Amino acid sequence: MKTKLENIDLYSPSLTLDTLFVWKGGGHELHQRNPKCWDSKCRLRIYQAYLMPNIIICSDLDESDTGTSITNSVENLATLIWQKYSKEELSPSSGHLGNQFVFIEHYPYHNKEDWDDKEETFCLVQFNWDGQRFSKPRRSPLTSNAVFALINQPPSK
């Protein structure tokens, strides 16, 4: 008998946006105007805490077809999120550092047969920024406790 694994709870009082984010897959901004490109989607969470950078967590969905993966489209995805939310959710109002954010790529554990022994993972993704778009992603693994600290949630015991 297989035990069902649970993902960690990413709720925090600093959570300001929790939504489904949809973009055209393929990775390059020109694909956004191409109707032949497929819709891709992920769960988007934005966290804000006073005098801290915004925390953006993009999570894979527990569905069979979510389009282009977060990993394969991360620089385009970060650029699109910045373009859509930089004036409101990522703005410097209320003491938030709106011109800075921390981007985390999240792959939850999925209870699917083909995902055996696949653990929940978090990666910090750092980019170059040319003033218009993000490029050259660099990933560093994060522990769940590090993510808890970033989103101002005490670790579970």
Protein backbone atom coordinates (compact mmCIF):
# COMPACT_ATOMS: atom_id res chain seq x y z
CA MET A 1 0.00 0.00 0.00
CA LYS A 2 1.30 3.40 -0.98
CA THR A 3 1.15 6.33 1.41
CA LYS A 4 -0.19 9.56 -0.04
CA LEU A 5 2.35 12.35 0.47
CA GLU A 6 1.25 15.87 1.27
CA ASN A 7 2.81 19.10 0.01
CA ILE A 8 3.80 21.80 2.45
CA ASP A 9 1.32 24.59 3.09
CA LEU A 10 2.51 27.85 1.51
CA TYR A 11 -0.10 30.07 3.17
CA SER A 12 1.31 33.11 4.95
CA PRO A 13 -0.11 36.42 6.19
CA SER A 14 2.20 38.08 3.64
CA LEU A 15 0.41 36.33 0.72
CA THR A 16 -1.13 39.07 -1.45
CA LEU A 17 -1.94 37.17 -4.66
CA ASP A 18 -2.77 33.50 -5.30
CA THR A 19 -3.95 32.86 -8.86
CA LEU A 20 -3.67 30.71 -11.96
CA PHE A 21 -1.26 32.35 -14.40
CA VAL A 22 -1.66 31.51 -18.12
CA TRP A 23 0.85 32.30 -20.87
CA LYS A 24 1.63 31.13 -24.40
CA GLY A 25 4.21 28.35 -24.31
CA GLY A 26 7.33 28.29 -26.38
CA GLY A 27 9.46 30.59 -24.28
CA HIS A 28 10.10 33.61 -26.52
CA GLU A 29 8.06 36.81 -26.38
CA LEU A 30 7.24 36.55 -30.12
CA HIS A 31 5.36 33.35 -29.32
CA GLN A 32 2.93 35.38 -27.22
CA ARG A 33 1.35 36.70 -30.42
CA ASN A 34 1.39 33.38 -32.26
CA PRO A 35 -2.05 31.70 -31.98
CA LYS A 36 -0.49 28.32 -32.79
CA CYS A 37 1.47 28.31 -29.51
CA TRP A 38 -0.13 26.39 -26.70
CA ASP A 39 -1.49 27.77 -23.47
CA SER A 40 0.72 27.06 -20.48
CA LYS A 41 -0.25 27.55 -16.86
CA CYS A 42 1.06 27.51 -13.32
CA ARG A 43 -0.04 28.60 -9.87
CA LEU A 44 1.31 32.06 -9.08
CA ARG A 45 1.71 33.36 -5.54
CA ILE A 46 3.09 36.77 -4.60
CA TYR A 47 4.13 37.54 -1.03
CA GLN A 48 4.94 40.98 0.38
CA ALA A 49 6.43 41.90 3.72
CA TYR A 50 7.44 45.33 4.94
CA LEU A 51 10.91 46.37 3.66
CA MET A 52 11.51 43.00 2.01
CA PRO A 53 11.69 42.10 -1.68
CA ASN A 54 8.53 40.61 -3.13
CA ILE A 55 8.55 36.80 -3.18
CA ILE A 56 7.14 35.17 -6.32
CA ILE A 57 6.47 31.44 -6.27
CA CYS A 58 5.46 29.71 -9.50
CA SER A 59 4.15 26.20 -8.85
CA ASP A 60 3.59 23.35 -11.27
CA LEU A 61 -0.01 22.12 -11.30
CA ASP A 62 -1.17 18.58 -10.55
CA GLU A 63 -2.61 18.19 -14.05
CA SER A 64 -1.58 16.08 -17.02
CA ASP A 65 -1.13 18.92 -19.53
CA THR A 66 0.00 22.32 -18.30
CA GLY A 67 1.84 23.32 -21.48
CA THR A 68 5.44 24.52 -21.40
CA SER A 69 7.07 23.76 -18.06
CA ILE A 70 8.08 26.53 -15.68
CA THR A 71 11.70 25.41 -16.08
CA ASN A 72 11.66 25.65 -19.89
CA SER A 73 9.99 29.07 -19.94
CA VAL A 74 11.26 30.67 -16.74
CA GLU A 75 12.83 33.83 -18.17
CA ASN A 76 9.76 34.53 -20.31
CA LEU A 77 7.45 33.70 -17.41
CA ALA A 78 9.32 36.07 -15.04
CA THR A 79 9.18 38.82 -17.68
CA LEU A 80 5.44 38.36 -18.25
CA ILE A 81 4.71 38.36 -14.50
CA TRP A 82 6.79 41.53 -14.09
CA GLN A 83 4.96 43.22 -16.99
CA LYS A 84 1.52 42.28 -15.68
CA TYR A 85 1.99 42.95 -11.95
CA SER A 86 4.76 45.56 -11.65
CA LYS A 87 2.34 48.48 -11.40
CA GLU A 88 0.14 46.98 -8.66
CA GLU A 89 1.13 43.83 -6.78
CA LEU A 90 4.85 44.46 -7.25
CA SER A 91 4.68 48.23 -6.71
CA PRO A 92 6.73 50.00 -4.06
CA SER A 93 3.64 51.17 -2.14
CA SER A 94 3.26 50.44 1.58
CA GLY A 95 7.00 50.14 2.11
CA HIS A 96 7.50 47.14 -0.20
CA LEU A 97 10.59 47.13 -2.38
CA GLY A 98 8.72 46.90 -5.65
CA ASN A 99 11.75 47.05 -7.92
CA GLN A 100 13.11 43.83 -6.42
CA PHE A 101 11.74 40.33 -6.18
CA VAL A 102 12.81 36.81 -5.38
CA PHE A 103 11.65 34.22 -7.92
CA ILE A 104 11.10 30.64 -6.73
CA GLU A 105 10.32 27.71 -9.02
CA HIS A 106 8.20 25.12 -7.18
CA TYR A 107 7.43 21.55 -8.17
CA PRO A 108 5.02 20.06 -5.63
CA TYR A 109 4.77 16.34 -5.05
CA HIS A 110 2.13 14.93 -7.41
CA ASN A 111 0.29 11.75 -6.52
CA LYS A 112 0.65 10.17 -9.95
CA GLU A 113 2.02 6.76 -10.81
CA ASP A 114 4.71 8.14 -13.14
CA TRP A 115 5.95 10.54 -10.43
CA ASP A 116 7.08 7.82 -7.97
CA ASP A 117 9.68 9.01 -5.48
CA LYS A 118 9.54 12.55 -6.85
CA GLU A 119 9.91 14.92 -3.92
CA GLU A 120 8.59 18.44 -3.63
CA THR A 121 11.31 20.84 -4.78
CA PHE A 122 12.02 24.57 -4.61
CA CYS A 123 14.65 26.48 -6.59
CA LEU A 124 15.70 30.08 -6.28
CA VAL A 125 16.05 31.47 -9.80
CA GLN A 126 18.25 34.50 -10.39
CA PHE A 127 18.27 36.42 -13.67
CA ASN A 128 20.02 39.13 -15.61
CA TRP A 129 17.74 42.15 -16.26
CA ASP A 130 18.22 44.48 -19.23
CA GLY A 131 15.44 46.88 -18.23
CA GLN A 132 12.87 45.11 -20.42
CA ARG A 133 13.23 41.36 -19.91
CA PHE A 134 14.85 38.72 -17.76
CA SER A 135 17.50 36.37 -19.17
CA LYS A 136 20.21 33.86 -18.22
CA PRO A 137 18.43 32.05 -15.36
CA ARG A 138 20.61 30.52 -12.64
CA ARG A 139 19.08 28.04 -10.17
CA SER A 140 19.94 27.19 -6.59
CA PRO A 141 17.97 24.59 -4.60
CA LEU A 142 16.09 25.80 -1.52
CA THR A 143 14.87 23.84 1.49
CA SER A 144 11.25 24.16 2.59
CA ASN A 145 12.49 25.88 5.79
CA ALA A 146 14.26 28.53 3.68
CA VAL A 147 11.00 29.12 1.77
CA PHE A 148 9.09 29.39 5.08
CA ALA A 149 11.55 32.05 6.25
CA LEU A 150 11.19 34.02 2.99
CA ILE A 151 7.38 34.06 3.13
CA ASN A 152 7.30 34.81 6.88
CA GLN A 153 5.74 31.51 7.88
CA PRO A 154 7.06 29.55 10.85
CA PRO A 155 8.25 26.05 9.84
CA SER A 156 5.87 23.19 10.56
CA LYS A 157 6.86 20.76 13.27
